[in-house]
Amino acid sequence: MKDRTTIQVSEELRKELRILASKRDVNYQKLLSDMVSVFRELDRDRTIVSIPKNLANKANEIVKNSDFKTVSELVTFVMRLMFYEQARPEAKIKKRLEAMGYL
């Protein structure tokens, strides 16, 4: 009981959350638990990105077998790597040469 927090929610929001839970085919408590875990991970310098469930499942598998702590860390790493590669002039030249069939 010591880990519990009480939050007052309007009846309108409670109904909306129950509808969302039913659409996800989970119970209301599971939905609330998922929401709390998302908020724990967020800070002011972050945002939420929605990805398809099959990609999330694959990302979770990678996280389990790596040094990444969360899917967010993995996605951040991959995006930084992608943006870094795009910013490198030699990478752009290599892609052009490959497209023309020289490499």
PDB file of N, CA and C in Angstrom:
ATOM      1  N   MET A   1       0.796  -1.197   0.000  1.00  0.00           N
ATOM      2  CA  MET A   1       0.000   0.000   0.000  1.00  0.00           C
ATOM      3  C   MET A   1       0.842   1.265   0.000  1.00  0.00           C
ATOM      4  N   LYS A   2       2.088   1.183   0.480  1.00  0.00           N
ATOM      5  CA  LYS A   2       2.882   2.401   0.572  1.00  0.00           C
ATOM      6  C   LYS A   2       3.279   2.949  -0.801  1.00  0.00           C
ATOM      7  N   ASP A   3       3.256   2.129  -1.860  1.00  0.00           N
ATOM      8  CA  ASP A   3       3.611   2.579  -3.203  1.00  0.00           C
ATOM      9  C   ASP A   3       2.426   3.149  -3.968  1.00  0.00           C
ATOM     10  N   ARG A   4       1.281   3.254  -3.338  1.00  0.00           N
ATOM     11  CA  ARG A   4       0.081   3.715  -4.028  1.00  0.00           C
ATOM     12  C   ARG A   4      -0.056   5.226  -3.915  1.00  0.00           C
ATOM     13  N   THR A   5      -0.559   5.808  -4.971  1.00  0.00           N
ATOM     14  CA  THR A   5      -0.868   7.230  -5.011  1.00  0.00           C
ATOM     15  C   THR A   5      -2.308   7.378  -5.450  1.00  0.00           C
ATOM     16  N   THR A   6      -3.004   8.280  -4.803  1.00  0.00           N
ATOM     17  CA  THR A   6      -4.391   8.522  -5.171  1.00  0.00           C
ATOM     18  C   THR A   6      -4.456   9.779  -6.021  1.00  0.00           C
ATOM     19  N   ILE A   7      -5.098   9.659  -7.164  1.00  0.00           N
ATOM     20  CA  ILE A   7      -5.272  10.788  -8.066  1.00  0.00           C
ATOM     21  C   ILE A   7      -6.760  10.931  -8.334  1.00  0.00           C
ATOM     22  N   GLN A   8      -7.254  12.128  -8.170  1.00  0.00           N
ATOM     23  CA  GLN A   8      -8.663  12.351  -8.466  1.00  0.00           C
ATOM     24  C   GLN A   8      -8.824  12.602  -9.957  1.00  0.00           C
ATOM     25  N   VAL A   9      -9.739  11.858 -10.554  1.00  0.00           N
ATOM     26  CA  VAL A   9      -9.980  11.942 -11.984  1.00  0.00           C
ATOM     27  C   VAL A   9     -11.463  12.238 -12.189  1.00  0.00           C
ATOM     28  N   SER A  10     -11.739  13.148 -13.110  1.00  0.00           N
ATOM     29  CA  SER A  10     -13.138  13.469 -13.389  1.00  0.00           C
ATOM     30  C   SER A  10     -13.837  12.252 -13.973  1.00  0.00           C
ATOM     31  N   GLU A  11     -15.146  12.207 -13.811  1.00  0.00           N
ATOM     32  CA  GLU A  11     -15.920  11.083 -14.339  1.00  0.00           C
ATOM     33  C   GLU A  11     -15.790  11.005 -15.865  1.00  0.00           C
ATOM     34  N   GLU A  12     -15.719  12.154 -16.516  1.00  0.00           N
ATOM     35  CA  GLU A  12     -15.564  12.184 -17.980  1.00  0.00           C
ATOM     36  C   GLU A  12     -14.243  11.551 -18.405  1.00  0.00           C
ATOM     37  N   LEU A  13     -13.155  11.901 -17.715  1.00  0.00           N
ATOM     38  CA  LEU A  13     -11.848  11.324 -18.040  1.00  0.00           C
ATOM     39  C   LEU A  13     -11.827   9.832 -17.713  1.00  0.00           C
ATOM     40  N   ARG A  14     -12.445   9.446 -16.615  1.00  0.00           N
ATOM     41  CA  ARG A  14     -12.500   8.032 -16.239  1.00  0.00           C
ATOM     42  C   ARG A  14     -13.196   7.215 -17.335  1.00  0.00           C
ATOM     43  N   LYS A  15     -14.290   7.742 -17.873  1.00  0.00           N
ATOM     44  CA  LYS A  15     -15.005   7.056 -18.956  1.00  0.00           C
ATOM     45  C   LYS A  15     -14.123   6.935 -20.191  1.00  0.00           C
ATOM     46  N   GLU A  16     -13.438   8.015 -20.526  1.00  0.00           N
ATOM     47  CA  GLU A  16     -12.559   8.011 -21.692  1.00  0.00           C
ATOM     48  C   GLU A  16     -11.428   6.986 -21.521  1.00  0.00           C
ATOM     49  N   LEU A  17     -10.863   6.920 -20.326  1.00  0.00           N
ATOM     50  CA  LEU A  17      -9.797   5.953 -20.061  1.00  0.00           C
ATOM     51  C   LEU A  17     -10.317   4.518 -20.145  1.00  0.00           C
ATOM     52  N   ARG A  18     -11.518   4.277 -19.683  1.00  0.00           N
ATOM     53  CA  ARG A  18     -12.092   2.928 -19.774  1.00  0.00           C
ATOM     54  C   ARG A  18     -12.323   2.537 -21.237  1.00  0.00           C
ATOM     55  N   ILE A  19     -12.748   3.509 -22.053  1.00  0.00           N
ATOM     56  CA  ILE A  19     -12.929   3.240 -23.484  1.00  0.00           C
ATOM     57  C   ILE A  19     -11.584   2.910 -24.126  1.00  0.00           C
ATOM     58  N   LEU A  20     -10.545   3.689 -23.802  1.00  0.00           N
ATOM     59  CA  LEU A  20      -9.202   3.412 -24.331  1.00  0.00           C
ATOM     60  C   LEU A  20      -8.725   2.030 -23.905  1.00  0.00           C
ATOM     61  N   ALA A  21      -8.972   1.677 -22.655  1.00  0.00           N
ATOM     62  CA  ALA A  21      -8.555   0.358 -22.164  1.00  0.00           C
ATOM     63  C   ALA A  21      -9.255  -0.744 -22.946  1.00  0.00           C
ATOM     64  N   SER A  22     -10.545  -0.562 -23.209  1.00  0.00           N
ATOM     65  CA  SER A  22     -11.271  -1.607 -23.945  1.00  0.00           C
ATOM     66  C   SER A  22     -10.775  -1.720 -25.385  1.00  0.00           C
ATOM     67  N   LYS A  23     -10.410  -0.584 -25.979  1.00  0.00           N
ATOM     68  CA  LYS A  23      -9.871  -0.625 -27.352  1.00  0.00           C
ATOM     69  C   LYS A  23      -8.530  -1.334 -27.390  1.00  0.00           C
ATOM     70  N   ARG A  24      -7.764  -1.229 -26.323  1.00  0.00           N
ATOM     71  CA  ARG A  24      -6.465  -1.897 -26.257  1.00  0.00           C
ATOM     72  C   ARG A  24      -6.590  -3.329 -25.753  1.00  0.00           C
ATOM     73  N   ASP A  25      -7.809  -3.714 -25.388  1.00  0.00           N
ATOM     74  CA  ASP A  25      -8.083  -5.041 -24.862  1.00  0.00           C
ATOM     75  C   ASP A  25      -7.266  -5.319 -23.597  1.00  0.00           C
ATOM     76  N   VAL A  26      -7.201  -4.309 -22.714  1.00  0.00           N
ATOM     77  CA  VAL A  26      -6.562  -4.446 -21.402  1.00  0.00           C
ATOM     78  C   VAL A  26      -7.528  -3.916 -20.353  1.00  0.00           C
ATOM     79  N   ASN A  27      -7.285  -4.291 -19.111  1.00  0.00           N
ATOM     80  CA  ASN A  27      -8.169  -3.767 -18.081  1.00  0.00           C
ATOM     81  C   ASN A  27      -7.749  -2.344 -17.702  1.00  0.00           C
ATOM     82  N   TYR A  28      -8.618  -1.675 -17.038  1.00  0.00           N
ATOM     83  CA  TYR A  28      -8.438  -0.272 -16.656  1.00  0.00           C
ATOM     84  C   TYR A  28      -7.170  -0.086 -15.820  1.00  0.00           C
ATOM     85  N   GLN A  29      -6.933  -0.981 -14.866  1.00  0.00           N
ATOM     86  CA  GLN A  29      -5.752  -0.868 -14.001  1.00  0.00           C
ATOM     87  C   GLN A  29      -4.457  -1.011 -14.807  1.00  0.00           C
ATOM     88  N   LYS A  30      -4.463  -1.901 -15.782  1.00  0.00           N
ATOM     89  CA  LYS A  30      -3.277  -2.089 -16.633  1.00  0.00           C
ATOM     90  C   LYS A  30      -3.009  -0.824 -17.447  1.00  0.00           C
ATOM     91  N   LEU A  31      -4.064  -0.220 -17.965  1.00  0.00           N
ATOM     92  CA  LEU A  31      -3.910   1.023 -18.714  1.00  0.00           C
ATOM     93  C   LEU A  31      -3.300   2.105 -17.832  1.00  0.00           C
ATOM     94  N   LEU A  32      -3.809   2.238 -16.610  1.00  0.00           N
ATOM     95  CA  LEU A  32      -3.266   3.241 -15.696  1.00  0.00           C
ATOM     96  C   LEU A  32      -1.803   2.950 -15.373  1.00  0.00           C
ATOM     97  N   SER A  33      -1.481   1.684 -15.188  1.00  0.00           N
ATOM     98  CA  SER A  33      -0.100   1.291 -14.912  1.00  0.00           C
ATOM     99  C   SER A  33       0.816   1.652 -16.084  1.00  0.00           C
ATOM    100  N   ASP A  34       0.358   1.380 -17.303  1.00  0.00           N
ATOM    101  CA  ASP A  34       1.129   1.734 -18.500  1.00  0.00           C
ATOM    102  C   ASP A  34       1.347   3.247 -18.578  1.00  0.00           C
ATOM    103  N   MET A  35       0.300   4.000 -18.277  1.00  0.00           N
ATOM    104  CA  MET A  35       0.400   5.456 -18.333  1.00  0.00           C
ATOM    105  C   MET A  35       1.412   5.971 -17.307  1.00  0.00           C
ATOM    106  N   VAL A  36       1.389   5.413 -16.105  1.00  0.00           N
ATOM    107  CA  VAL A  36       2.336   5.824 -15.067  1.00  0.00           C
ATOM    108  C   VAL A  36       3.764   5.529 -15.513  1.00  0.00           C
ATOM    109  N   SER A  37       3.995   4.367 -16.123  1.00  0.00           N
ATOM    110  CA  SER A  37       5.355   4.031 -16.568  1.00  0.00           C
ATOM    111  C   SER A  37       5.839   4.996 -17.646  1.00  0.00           C
ATOM    112  N   VAL A  38       4.943   5.439 -18.514  1.00  0.00           N
ATOM    113  CA  VAL A  38       5.318   6.423 -19.536  1.00  0.00           C
ATOM    114  C   VAL A  38       5.710   7.739 -18.882  1.00  0.00           C
ATOM    115  N   PHE A  39       4.921   8.185 -17.934  1.00  0.00           N
ATOM    116  CA  PHE A  39       5.223   9.454 -17.271  1.00  0.00           C
ATOM    117  C   PHE A  39       6.505   9.387 -16.453  1.00  0.00           C
ATOM    118  N   ARG A  40       6.820   8.238 -15.897  1.00  0.00           N
ATOM    119  CA  ARG A  40       8.079   8.094 -15.150  1.00  0.00           C
ATOM    120  C   ARG A  40       9.281   8.309 -16.064  1.00  0.00           C
ATOM    121  N   GLU A  41       9.142   7.875 -17.303  1.00  0.00           N
ATOM    122  CA  GLU A  41      10.251   7.955 -18.246  1.00  0.00           C
ATOM    123  C   GLU A  41      10.414   9.357 -18.833  1.00  0.00           C
ATOM    124  N   LEU A  42       9.353  10.131 -18.840  1.00  0.00           N
ATOM    125  CA  LEU A  42       9.393  11.452 -19.462  1.00  0.00           C
ATOM    126  C   LEU A  42      10.021  12.501 -18.559  1.00  0.00           C
ATOM    127  N   ASP A  43      10.654  13.452 -19.167  1.00  0.00           N
ATOM    128  CA  ASP A  43      11.060  14.674 -18.477  1.00  0.00           C
ATOM    129  C   ASP A  43      10.778  15.833 -19.407  1.00  0.00           C
ATOM    130  N   ARG A  44      11.097  17.019 -18.995  1.00  0.00           N
ATOM    131  CA  ARG A  44      10.751  18.202 -19.790  1.00  0.00           C
ATOM    132  C   ARG A  44      11.451  18.262 -21.142  1.00  0.00           C
ATOM    133  N   ASP A  45      12.548  17.544 -21.283  1.00  0.00           N
ATOM    134  CA  ASP A  45      13.305  17.583 -22.532  1.00  0.00           C
ATOM    135  C   ASP A  45      12.967  16.417 -23.457  1.00  0.00           C
ATOM    136  N   ARG A  46      11.884  15.717 -23.179  1.00  0.00           N
ATOM    137  CA  ARG A  46      11.510  14.556 -23.986  1.00  0.00           C
ATOM    138  C   ARG A  46      10.082  14.683 -24.480  1.00  0.00           C
ATOM    139  N   THR A  47       9.765  13.864 -25.466  1.00  0.00           N
ATOM    140  CA  THR A  47       8.412  13.805 -26.002  1.00  0.00           C
ATOM    141  C   THR A  47       8.065  12.355 -26.269  1.00  0.00           C
ATOM    142  N   ILE A  48       6.826  12.086 -26.540  1.00  0.00           N
ATOM    143  CA  ILE A  48       6.379  10.722 -26.820  1.00  0.00           C
ATOM    144  C   ILE A  48       6.315  10.520 -28.329  1.00  0.00           C
ATOM    145  N   VAL A  49       6.831   9.389 -28.789  1.00  0.00           N
ATOM    146  CA  VAL A  49       6.751   9.019 -30.195  1.00  0.00           C
ATOM    147  C   VAL A  49       6.005   7.690 -30.257  1.00  0.00           C
ATOM    148  N   SER A  50       5.061   7.603 -31.146  1.00  0.00           N
ATOM    149  CA  SER A  50       4.274   6.381 -31.293  1.00  0.00           C
ATOM    150  C   SER A  50       4.814   5.584 -32.472  1.00  0.00           C
ATOM    151  N   ILE A  51       5.084   4.297 -32.233  1.00  0.00           N
ATOM    152  CA  ILE A  51       5.576   3.427 -33.307  1.00  0.00           C
ATOM    153  C   ILE A  51       4.673   2.193 -33.373  1.00  0.00           C
ATOM    154  N   PRO A  52       4.647   1.517 -34.521  1.00  0.00           N
ATOM    155  CA  PRO A  52       3.823   0.309 -34.636  1.00  0.00           C
ATOM    156  C   PRO A  52       4.226  -0.749 -33.607  1.00  0.00           C
ATOM    157  N   LYS A  53       3.251  -1.498 -33.143  1.00  0.00           N
ATOM    158  CA  LYS A  53       3.453  -2.493 -32.095  1.00  0.00           C
ATOM    159  C   LYS A  53       4.521  -3.523 -32.468  1.00  0.00           C
ATOM    160  N   ASN A  54       4.544  -3.966 -33.745  1.00  0.00           N
ATOM    161  CA  ASN A  54       5.540  -4.975 -34.134  1.00  0.00           C
ATOM    162  C   ASN A  54       6.965  -4.419 -34.020  1.00  0.00           C
ATOM    163  N   LEU A  55       7.149  -3.131 -34.326  1.00  0.00           N
ATOM    164  CA  LEU A  55       8.473  -2.528 -34.151  1.00  0.00           C
ATOM    165  C   LEU A  55       8.819  -2.385 -32.673  1.00  0.00           C
ATOM    166  N   ALA A  56       7.834  -2.035 -31.869  1.00  0.00           N
ATOM    167  CA  ALA A  56       8.055  -1.915 -30.427  1.00  0.00           C
ATOM    168  C   ALA A  56       8.459  -3.268 -29.835  1.00  0.00           C
ATOM    169  N   ASN A  57       7.809  -4.336 -30.292  1.00  0.00           N
ATOM    170  CA  ASN A  57       8.160  -5.670 -29.808  1.00  0.00           C
ATOM    171  C   ASN A  57       9.597  -6.029 -30.182  1.00  0.00           C
ATOM    172  N   LYS A  58       9.989  -5.732 -31.413  1.00  0.00           N
ATOM    173  CA  LYS A  58      11.369  -5.999 -31.848  1.00  0.00           C
ATOM    174  C   LYS A  58      12.357  -5.161 -31.050  1.00  0.00           C
ATOM    175  N   ALA A  59      12.000  -3.894 -30.816  1.00  0.00           N
ATOM    176  CA  ALA A  59      12.871  -3.013 -30.032  1.00  0.00           C
ATOM    177  C   ALA A  59      13.011  -3.532 -28.605  1.00  0.00           C
ATOM    178  N   ASN A  60      11.931  -4.032 -28.025  1.00  0.00           N
ATOM    179  CA  ASN A  60      11.999  -4.601 -26.678  1.00  0.00           C
ATOM    180  C   ASN A  60      12.941  -5.790 -26.625  1.00  0.00           C
ATOM    181  N   GLU A  61      12.927  -6.621 -27.652  1.00  0.00           N
ATOM    182  CA  GLU A  61      13.832  -7.772 -27.708  1.00  0.00           C
ATOM    183  C   GLU A  61      15.288  -7.311 -27.772  1.00  0.00           C
ATOM    184  N   ILE A  62      15.546  -6.277 -28.577  1.00  0.00           N
ATOM    185  CA  ILE A  62      16.912  -5.747 -28.672  1.00  0.00           C
ATOM    186  C   ILE A  62      17.355  -5.198 -27.327  1.00  0.00           C
ATOM    187  N   VAL A  63      16.470  -4.466 -26.656  1.00  0.00           N
ATOM    188  CA  VAL A  63      16.790  -3.874 -25.356  1.00  0.00           C
ATOM    189  C   VAL A  63      17.134  -4.972 -24.339  1.00  0.00           C
ATOM    190  N   LYS A  64      16.370  -6.059 -24.342  1.00  0.00           N
ATOM    191  CA  LYS A  64      16.614  -7.158 -23.401  1.00  0.00           C
ATOM    192  C   LYS A  64      18.006  -7.751 -23.562  1.00  0.00           C
ATOM    193  N   ASN A  65      18.521  -7.747 -24.793  1.00  0.00           N
ATOM    194  CA  ASN A  65      19.809  -8.376 -25.085  1.00  0.00           C
ATOM    195  C   ASN A  65      20.916  -7.370 -25.327  1.00  0.00           C
ATOM    196  N   SER A  66      20.779  -6.176 -24.754  1.00  0.00           N
ATOM    197  CA  SER A  66      21.787  -5.141 -24.990  1.00  0.00           C
ATOM    198  C   SER A  66      22.014  -4.320 -23.723  1.00  0.00           C
ATOM    199  N   ASP A  67      22.833  -3.294 -23.865  1.00  0.00           N
ATOM    200  CA  ASP A  67      23.096  -2.390 -22.748  1.00  0.00           C
ATOM    201  C   ASP A  67      22.090  -1.253 -22.662  1.00  0.00           C
ATOM    202  N   PHE A  68      21.158  -1.180 -23.615  1.00  0.00           N
ATOM    203  CA  PHE A  68      20.119  -0.159 -23.549  1.00  0.00           C
ATOM    204  C   PHE A  68      19.172  -0.486 -22.398  1.00  0.00           C
ATOM    205  N   LYS A  69      18.765   0.548 -21.662  1.00  0.00           N
ATOM    206  CA  LYS A  69      17.854   0.328 -20.538  1.00  0.00           C
ATOM    207  C   LYS A  69      16.394   0.380 -20.968  1.00  0.00           C
ATOM    208  N   THR A  70      16.107   1.163 -22.001  1.00  0.00           N
ATOM    209  CA  THR A  70      14.714   1.333 -22.443  1.00  0.00           C
ATOM    210  C   THR A  70      14.668   1.391 -23.967  1.00  0.00           C
ATOM    211  N   VAL A  71      13.470   1.227 -24.490  1.00  0.00           N
ATOM    212  CA  VAL A  71      13.258   1.377 -25.934  1.00  0.00           C
ATOM    213  C   VAL A  71      13.560   2.826 -26.336  1.00  0.00           C
ATOM    214  N   SER A  72      13.248   3.767 -25.475  1.00  0.00           N
ATOM    215  CA  SER A  72      13.542   5.176 -25.775  1.00  0.00           C
ATOM    216  C   SER A  72      15.032   5.398 -25.998  1.00  0.00           C
ATOM    217  N   GLU A  73      15.866   4.770 -25.165  1.00  0.00           N
ATOM    218  CA  GLU A  73      17.315   4.892 -25.359  1.00  0.00           C
ATOM    219  C   GLU A  73      17.733   4.322 -26.714  1.00  0.00           C
ATOM    220  N   LEU A  74      17.186   3.173 -27.063  1.00  0.00           N
ATOM    221  CA  LEU A  74      17.511   2.541 -28.344  1.00  0.00           C
ATOM    222  C   LEU A  74      17.092   3.433 -29.505  1.00  0.00           C
ATOM    223  N   VAL A  75      15.859   3.924 -29.482  1.00  0.00           N
ATOM    224  CA  VAL A  75      15.355   4.764 -30.569  1.00  0.00           C
ATOM    225  C   VAL A  75      16.171   6.049 -30.667  1.00  0.00           C
ATOM    226  N   THR A  76      16.513   6.647 -29.537  1.00  0.00           N
ATOM    227  CA  THR A  76      17.337   7.857 -29.541  1.00  0.00           C
ATOM    228  C   THR A  76      18.692   7.578 -30.179  1.00  0.00           C
ATOM    229  N   PHE A  77      19.314   6.448 -29.824  1.00  0.00           N
ATOM    230  CA  PHE A  77      20.602   6.074 -30.400  1.00  0.00           C
ATOM    231  C   PHE A  77      20.511   5.910 -31.907  1.00  0.00           C
ATOM    232  N   VAL A  78      19.500   5.176 -32.353  1.00  0.00           N
ATOM    233  CA  VAL A  78      19.342   4.915 -33.791  1.00  0.00           C
ATOM    234  C   VAL A  78      19.103   6.214 -34.550  1.00  0.00           C
ATOM    235  N   MET A  79      18.276   7.085 -34.012  1.00  0.00           N
ATOM    236  CA  MET A  79      17.994   8.353 -34.696  1.00  0.00           C
ATOM    237  C   MET A  79      19.230   9.243 -34.742  1.00  0.00           C
ATOM    238  N   ARG A  80      19.983   9.302 -33.642  1.00  0.00           N
ATOM    239  CA  ARG A  80      21.220  10.096 -33.647  1.00  0.00           C
ATOM    240  C   ARG A  80      22.205   9.554 -34.677  1.00  0.00           C
ATOM    241  N   LEU A  81      22.313   8.238 -34.739  1.00  0.00           N
ATOM    242  CA  LEU A  81      23.197   7.611 -35.718  1.00  0.00           C
ATOM    243  C   LEU A  81      22.752   7.948 -37.134  1.00  0.00           C
ATOM    244  N   MET A  82      21.476   7.884 -37.386  1.00  0.00           N
ATOM    245  CA  MET A  82      20.933   8.193 -38.703  1.00  0.00           C
ATOM    246  C   MET A  82      21.208   9.653 -39.080  1.00  0.00           C
ATOM    247  N   PHE A  83      20.945  10.573 -38.143  1.00  0.00           N
ATOM    248  CA  PHE A  83      21.177  11.994 -38.422  1.00  0.00           C
ATOM    249  C   PHE A  83      22.670  12.283 -38.597  1.00  0.00           C
ATOM    250  N   TYR A  84      23.511  11.591 -37.839  1.00  0.00           N
ATOM    251  CA  TYR A  84      24.957  11.759 -37.978  1.00  0.00           C
ATOM    252  C   TYR A  84      25.406  11.315 -39.365  1.00  0.00           C
ATOM    253  N   GLU A  85      24.905  10.170 -39.794  1.00  0.00           N
ATOM    254  CA  GLU A  85      25.275   9.663 -41.119  1.00  0.00           C
ATOM    255  C   GLU A  85      24.827  10.610 -42.223  1.00  0.00           C
ATOM    256  N   GLN A  86      23.652  11.190 -42.088  1.00  0.00           N
ATOM    257  CA  GLN A  86      23.150  12.118 -43.099  1.00  0.00           C
ATOM    258  C   GLN A  86      23.967  13.400 -43.138  1.00  0.00           C
ATOM    259  N   ALA A  87      24.514  13.796 -42.012  1.00  0.00           N
ATOM    260  CA  ALA A  87      25.247  15.055 -41.934  1.00  0.00           C
ATOM    261  C   ALA A  87      26.672  14.929 -42.477  1.00  0.00           C
ATOM    262  N   ARG A  88      27.183  13.715 -42.571  1.00  0.00           N
ATOM    263  CA  ARG A  88      28.555  13.514 -43.042  1.00  0.00           C
ATOM    264  C   ARG A  88      28.607  13.642 -44.559  1.00  0.00           C
ATOM    265  N   PRO A  89      29.407  14.582 -45.067  1.00  0.00           N
ATOM    266  CA  PRO A  89      29.491  14.780 -46.531  1.00  0.00           C
ATOM    267  C   PRO A  89      29.966  13.528 -47.274  1.00  0.00           C
ATOM    268  N   GLU A  90      30.908  12.789 -46.695  1.00  0.00           N
ATOM    269  CA  GLU A  90      31.421  11.608 -47.405  1.00  0.00           C
ATOM    270  C   GLU A  90      30.338  10.535 -47.532  1.00  0.00           C
ATOM    271  N   ALA A  91      29.443  10.469 -46.564  1.00  0.00           N
ATOM    272  CA  ALA A  91      28.345   9.510 -46.650  1.00  0.00           C
ATOM    273  C   ALA A  91      27.408   9.870 -47.801  1.00  0.00           C
ATOM    274  N   LYS A  92      27.180  11.164 -47.980  1.00  0.00           N
ATOM    275  CA  LYS A  92      26.330  11.613 -49.084  1.00  0.00           C
ATOM    276  C   LYS A  92      26.980  11.300 -50.429  1.00  0.00           C
ATOM    277  N   ILE A  93      28.274  11.543 -50.505  1.00  0.00           N
ATOM    278  CA  ILE A  93      29.009  11.265 -51.748  1.00  0.00           C
ATOM    279  C   ILE A  93      28.972   9.767 -52.042  1.00  0.00           C
ATOM    280  N   LYS A  94      29.192   8.938 -50.987  1.00  0.00           N
ATOM    281  CA  LYS A  94      29.174   7.490 -51.169  1.00  0.00           C
ATOM    282  C   LYS A  94      27.801   7.030 -51.678  1.00  0.00           C
ATOM    283  N   LYS A  95      26.731   7.584 -51.113  1.00  0.00           N
ATOM    284  CA  LYS A  95      25.389   7.199 -51.553  1.00  0.00           C
ATOM    285  C   LYS A  95      25.160   7.587 -53.007  1.00  0.00           C
ATOM    286  N   ARG A  96      25.638   8.753 -53.404  1.00  0.00           N
ATOM    287  CA  ARG A  96      25.491   9.179 -54.805  1.00  0.00           C
ATOM    288  C   ARG A  96      26.256   8.252 -55.737  1.00  0.00           C
ATOM    289  N   LEU A  97      27.483   7.915 -55.348  1.00  0.00           N
ATOM    290  CA  LEU A  97      28.289   7.012 -56.166  1.00  0.00           C
ATOM    291  C   LEU A  97      27.640   5.627 -56.271  1.00  0.00           C
ATOM    292  N   GLU A  98      27.066   5.147 -55.162  1.00  0.00           N
ATOM    293  CA  GLU A  98      26.366   3.857 -55.190  1.00  0.00           C
ATOM    294  C   GLU A  98      25.148   3.926 -56.109  1.00  0.00           C
ATOM    295  N   ALA A  99      24.415   5.024 -56.038  1.00  0.00           N
ATOM    296  CA  ALA A  99      23.235   5.188 -56.875  1.00  0.00           C
ATOM    297  C   ALA A  99      23.598   5.224 -58.349  1.00  0.00           C
ATOM    298  N   MET A 100      24.788   5.729 -58.661  1.00  0.00           N
ATOM    299  CA  MET A 100      25.213   5.799 -60.064  1.00  0.00           C
ATOM    300  C   MET A 100      25.898   4.515 -60.499  1.00  0.00           C
ATOM    301  N   GLY A 101      26.097   3.570 -59.540  1.00  0.00           N
ATOM    302  CA  GLY A 101      26.675   2.277 -59.885  1.00  0.00           C
ATOM    303  C   GLY A 101      28.190   2.227 -59.823  1.00  0.00           C
ATOM    304  N   TYR A 102      28.836   3.232 -59.268  1.00  0.00           N
ATOM    305  CA  TYR A 102      30.287   3.236 -59.186  1.00  0.00           C
ATOM    306  C   TYR A 102      30.820   2.426 -58.013  1.00  0.00           C
ATOM    307  N   LEU A 103      29.980   2.215 -56.998  1.00  0.00           N
ATOM    308  CA  LEU A 103      30.438   1.445 -55.829  1.00  0.00           C
ATOM    309  C   LEU A 103      29.579   0.209 -55.646  1.00  0.00           C
TER     310      LEU A 103
END
